[in-house]
Amino acid sequence: MRLLWTDIETSDLTPDDSELLEISMIITDTNLVRLAQYTAIVHHDYIPRMPGVVFEMHQKSGLLSDILDSTKSISMNRIEDGLVELFDGYEDKLIMAGNTVGFDLNFLRHPNIFGAVISENVSHQVLDVSSLELYRRIVENDHMGMEKYPKEKGHRSLKDVEESIAEYKYLTNRFNSAFYKS
C-alpha cells in the first residue's frame, strides 16, 4: 500500500467556479518513507477571481505573485504530464492522504482538472488526518493528555503536505502510546 500525501491551493471551493493554483504530492509507504515527490505552481496570466479572505491568504503566502511568474509556474498540461510521470510504476491505486483530503480528491477528480489521471491512479479510499484530529478532540475528555498538533497554516501546498505527515505521525504515536500501554 502506498500513500499519496496531497495538498492543493485553489481560488475557491468548487472546481466549477475556481482555479487550481498549486499542487504538492508526496508518495510514501505505510512507514512514511518518501518514495517520490511532485510540486507545481499553476501559471496564470491573471489573478483568478476569489473571495477576499482567500485573496488575502494567497497574497500573504506569496502564491499570487508566483502564479503570475512564468519562471516559477507551469501550465496545467505540464502538470498533468508530471502527475502521469509521478504515478508511473505503481500497480495498485494510491491512497490519498492529508488534511481534509476529500476536498483535494474531489477537486482533482473533476473532468476540467485532472479527472482521468486521478481516477486511474488514485483509490476512492482516503486517509484523512483531520478525522484523526477530530477523534483526538473527542477522546481528550477521557484524559489522554494529548495536545493539539501545532500548525503554521502557511497555505503553501508542499509545507502543508509535510505538516500533514508530521501531524499524522504525532497523532498515531500518541494514540498508540495511550491505547497500547503495557
Protein backbone atom coordinates (compact mmCIF):
# COMPACT_ATOMS: atom_id res chain seq x y z
CA MET A 1 0.00 0.00 0.00
CA ARG A 2 1.26 3.45 -0.93
CA LEU A 3 0.02 6.76 0.45
CA LEU A 4 -0.32 9.83 -1.76
CA TRP A 5 0.01 12.78 0.61
CA THR A 6 -1.69 15.67 -1.15
CA ASP A 7 -2.44 19.35 -0.72
CA ILE A 8 -3.77 21.86 -3.22
CA GLU A 9 -4.31 25.59 -3.13
CA THR A 10 -7.29 26.92 -5.07
CA SER A 11 -9.06 30.19 -5.74
CA ASP A 12 -12.31 28.92 -4.20
CA LEU A 13 -14.00 25.73 -3.04
CA THR A 14 -15.65 24.25 -6.16
CA PRO A 15 -13.82 23.16 -9.31
CA ASP A 16 -16.60 24.55 -11.50
CA ASP A 17 -16.14 28.07 -10.14
CA SER A 18 -12.46 28.22 -9.24
CA GLU A 19 -8.92 27.61 -10.38
CA LEU A 20 -6.17 25.30 -9.20
CA LEU A 21 -3.23 27.43 -8.07
CA GLU A 22 -0.72 24.98 -6.59
CA ILE A 23 -0.36 21.24 -6.03
CA SER A 24 2.02 19.11 -3.99
CA MET A 25 2.12 15.34 -3.62
CA ILE A 26 4.46 13.08 -1.68
CA ILE A 27 4.22 9.30 -2.12
CA THR A 28 5.20 7.26 0.93
CA ASP A 29 4.96 3.69 2.07
CA THR A 30 2.98 2.94 5.23
CA ASN A 31 6.09 3.60 7.33
CA LEU A 32 6.11 7.12 5.83
CA VAL A 33 9.33 6.57 3.88
CA ARG A 34 9.31 9.04 0.98
CA LEU A 35 9.30 7.35 -2.40
CA ALA A 36 8.54 10.30 -4.70
CA GLN A 37 7.50 13.93 -4.62
CA TYR A 38 5.89 16.41 -7.01
CA THR A 39 5.16 20.12 -6.55
CA ALA A 40 3.96 22.64 -9.10
CA ILE A 41 2.52 26.13 -9.27
CA VAL A 42 -0.11 26.63 -11.97
CA HIS A 43 0.72 29.52 -14.30
CA HIS A 44 -1.98 32.15 -14.76
CA ASP A 45 -1.83 35.29 -16.91
CA TYR A 46 -4.18 37.00 -14.45
CA ILE A 47 -5.18 36.62 -10.82
CA PRO A 48 -8.29 34.41 -10.77
CA ARG A 49 -11.46 35.68 -9.13
CA MET A 50 -11.62 34.65 -5.49
CA PRO A 51 -13.25 35.69 -2.22
CA GLY A 52 -11.45 38.46 -0.31
CA VAL A 53 -10.30 36.20 2.51
CA VAL A 54 -8.79 33.74 0.00
CA PHE A 55 -7.11 36.59 -1.90
CA GLU A 56 -5.55 37.89 1.33
CA MET A 57 -4.40 34.40 2.34
CA HIS A 58 -2.70 33.70 -1.02
CA GLN A 59 -1.26 37.21 -1.23
CA LYS A 60 0.28 36.85 2.24
CA SER A 61 1.81 33.46 1.35
CA GLY A 62 3.34 34.80 -1.86
CA LEU A 63 1.36 32.39 -4.03
CA LEU A 64 -0.40 35.10 -6.06
CA SER A 65 2.86 36.58 -7.30
CA ASP A 66 4.21 33.09 -8.03
CA ILE A 67 1.25 32.09 -10.28
CA LEU A 68 1.95 35.15 -12.46
CA ASP A 69 5.71 34.45 -12.66
CA SER A 70 6.45 32.18 -15.64
CA THR A 71 9.82 31.24 -14.11
CA LYS A 72 8.06 29.73 -11.07
CA SER A 73 4.84 28.36 -12.62
CA ILE A 74 3.86 25.95 -15.39
CA SER A 75 0.77 25.08 -17.46
CA MET A 76 -1.92 22.62 -16.43
CA ASN A 77 -0.85 20.35 -19.32
CA ARG A 78 2.71 20.18 -18.00
CA ILE A 79 1.40 19.49 -14.50
CA GLU A 80 -0.76 16.66 -15.83
CA ASP A 81 2.32 15.20 -17.55
CA GLY A 82 4.18 15.48 -14.25
CA LEU A 83 1.43 13.60 -12.43
CA VAL A 84 1.44 10.83 -15.05
CA GLU A 85 5.19 10.50 -14.52
CA LEU A 86 4.77 10.56 -10.71
CA PHE A 87 2.18 7.76 -10.81
CA ASP A 88 4.10 5.61 -13.32
CA GLY A 89 5.26 2.30 -11.89
CA TYR A 90 2.68 1.93 -9.12
CA GLU A 91 0.49 -1.08 -9.88
CA ASP A 92 -2.08 -0.54 -7.15
CA LYS A 93 -4.07 2.64 -6.83
CA LEU A 94 -2.59 5.11 -4.37
CA ILE A 95 -4.47 6.06 -1.18
CA MET A 96 -4.79 9.84 -0.98
CA ALA A 97 -3.80 11.17 2.44
CA GLY A 98 -3.71 14.58 4.10
CA ASN A 99 -5.85 17.09 5.97
CA THR A 100 -9.46 17.35 4.75
CA VAL A 101 -8.20 15.40 1.77
CA GLY A 102 -11.69 14.65 0.43
CA PHE A 103 -11.73 18.23 -0.84
CA ASP A 104 -8.46 17.71 -2.72
CA LEU A 105 -9.58 14.39 -4.19
CA ASN A 106 -12.93 15.75 -5.38
CA PHE A 107 -11.33 18.88 -6.84
CA LEU A 108 -8.59 16.98 -8.69
CA ARG A 109 -11.01 14.32 -9.99
CA HIS A 110 -13.11 16.98 -11.70
CA PRO A 111 -13.11 16.47 -15.51
CA ASN A 112 -11.81 20.02 -16.06
CA ILE A 113 -8.86 19.45 -13.74
CA PHE A 114 -7.09 16.03 -13.82
CA GLY A 115 -10.13 13.72 -13.81
CA ALA A 116 -8.87 10.76 -15.82
CA VAL A 117 -5.32 10.78 -14.42
CA ILE A 118 -6.55 10.89 -10.83
CA SER A 119 -9.35 8.35 -11.35
CA GLU A 120 -6.97 5.86 -12.99
CA ASN A 121 -4.28 6.13 -10.31
CA VAL A 122 -5.92 7.11 -7.02
CA SER A 123 -8.24 4.99 -4.90
CA HIS A 124 -11.60 6.14 -3.60
CA GLN A 125 -10.25 5.44 -0.09
CA VAL A 126 -8.63 8.28 1.82
CA LEU A 127 -6.56 8.70 4.97
CA ASP A 128 -7.88 11.93 6.43
CA VAL A 129 -5.65 13.35 9.17
CA SER A 130 -8.31 15.90 10.10
CA SER A 131 -10.57 12.98 11.10
CA LEU A 132 -7.84 11.73 13.43
CA GLU A 133 -7.58 15.21 14.92
CA LEU A 134 -11.35 15.26 15.42
CA TYR A 135 -11.11 11.91 17.18
CA ARG A 136 -8.34 13.34 19.40
CA ARG A 137 -10.65 16.19 20.42
CA ILE A 138 -13.48 13.75 21.21
CA VAL A 139 -11.39 11.43 23.37
CA GLU A 140 -9.29 14.08 25.11
CA ASN A 141 -12.15 14.35 27.58
CA ASP A 142 -11.07 10.87 28.64
CA HIS A 143 -7.78 12.37 29.84
CA MET A 144 -5.47 11.01 27.18
CA GLY A 145 -3.35 14.11 27.74
CA MET A 146 -2.89 14.89 24.07
CA GLU A 147 -2.09 18.40 22.95
CA LYS A 148 -3.24 19.67 19.58
CA TYR A 149 -0.52 19.45 16.93
CA PRO A 150 0.81 22.99 16.32
CA LYS A 151 0.31 24.05 12.70
CA GLU A 152 1.77 27.01 10.85
CA LYS A 153 -1.19 27.31 8.43
CA GLY A 154 1.03 28.84 5.76
CA HIS A 155 -1.26 27.86 2.86
CA ARG A 156 1.52 26.65 0.58
CA SER A 157 0.94 23.13 -0.65
CA LEU A 158 4.34 21.49 -0.02
CA LYS A 159 4.63 22.85 3.51
CA ASP A 160 1.03 21.81 4.20
CA VAL A 161 1.70 18.24 2.94
CA GLU A 162 4.78 17.97 5.12
CA GLU A 163 2.77 19.30 8.05
CA SER A 164 0.04 16.68 7.43
CA ILE A 165 2.62 13.87 7.52
CA ALA A 166 4.12 15.26 10.75
CA GLU A 167 0.66 15.63 12.32
CA TYR A 168 -0.22 12.05 11.32
CA LYS A 169 2.98 10.80 13.00
CA TYR A 170 2.22 12.84 16.09
CA LEU A 171 -1.37 11.62 16.41
CA THR A 172 -0.66 7.95 15.68
CA ASN A 173 2.25 7.91 18.14
CA ARG A 174 0.01 9.43 20.83
CA PHE A 175 -2.85 7.05 20.09
CA ASN A 176 -0.51 4.05 20.14
CA SER A 177 1.05 5.03 23.45
CA ALA A 178 -2.38 5.67 25.02
CA PHE A 179 -4.06 2.52 23.70
CA TYR A 180 -1.19 0.04 24.00
CA LYS A 181 0.22 0.78 27.44
CA SER A 182 2.00 -2.25 28.87
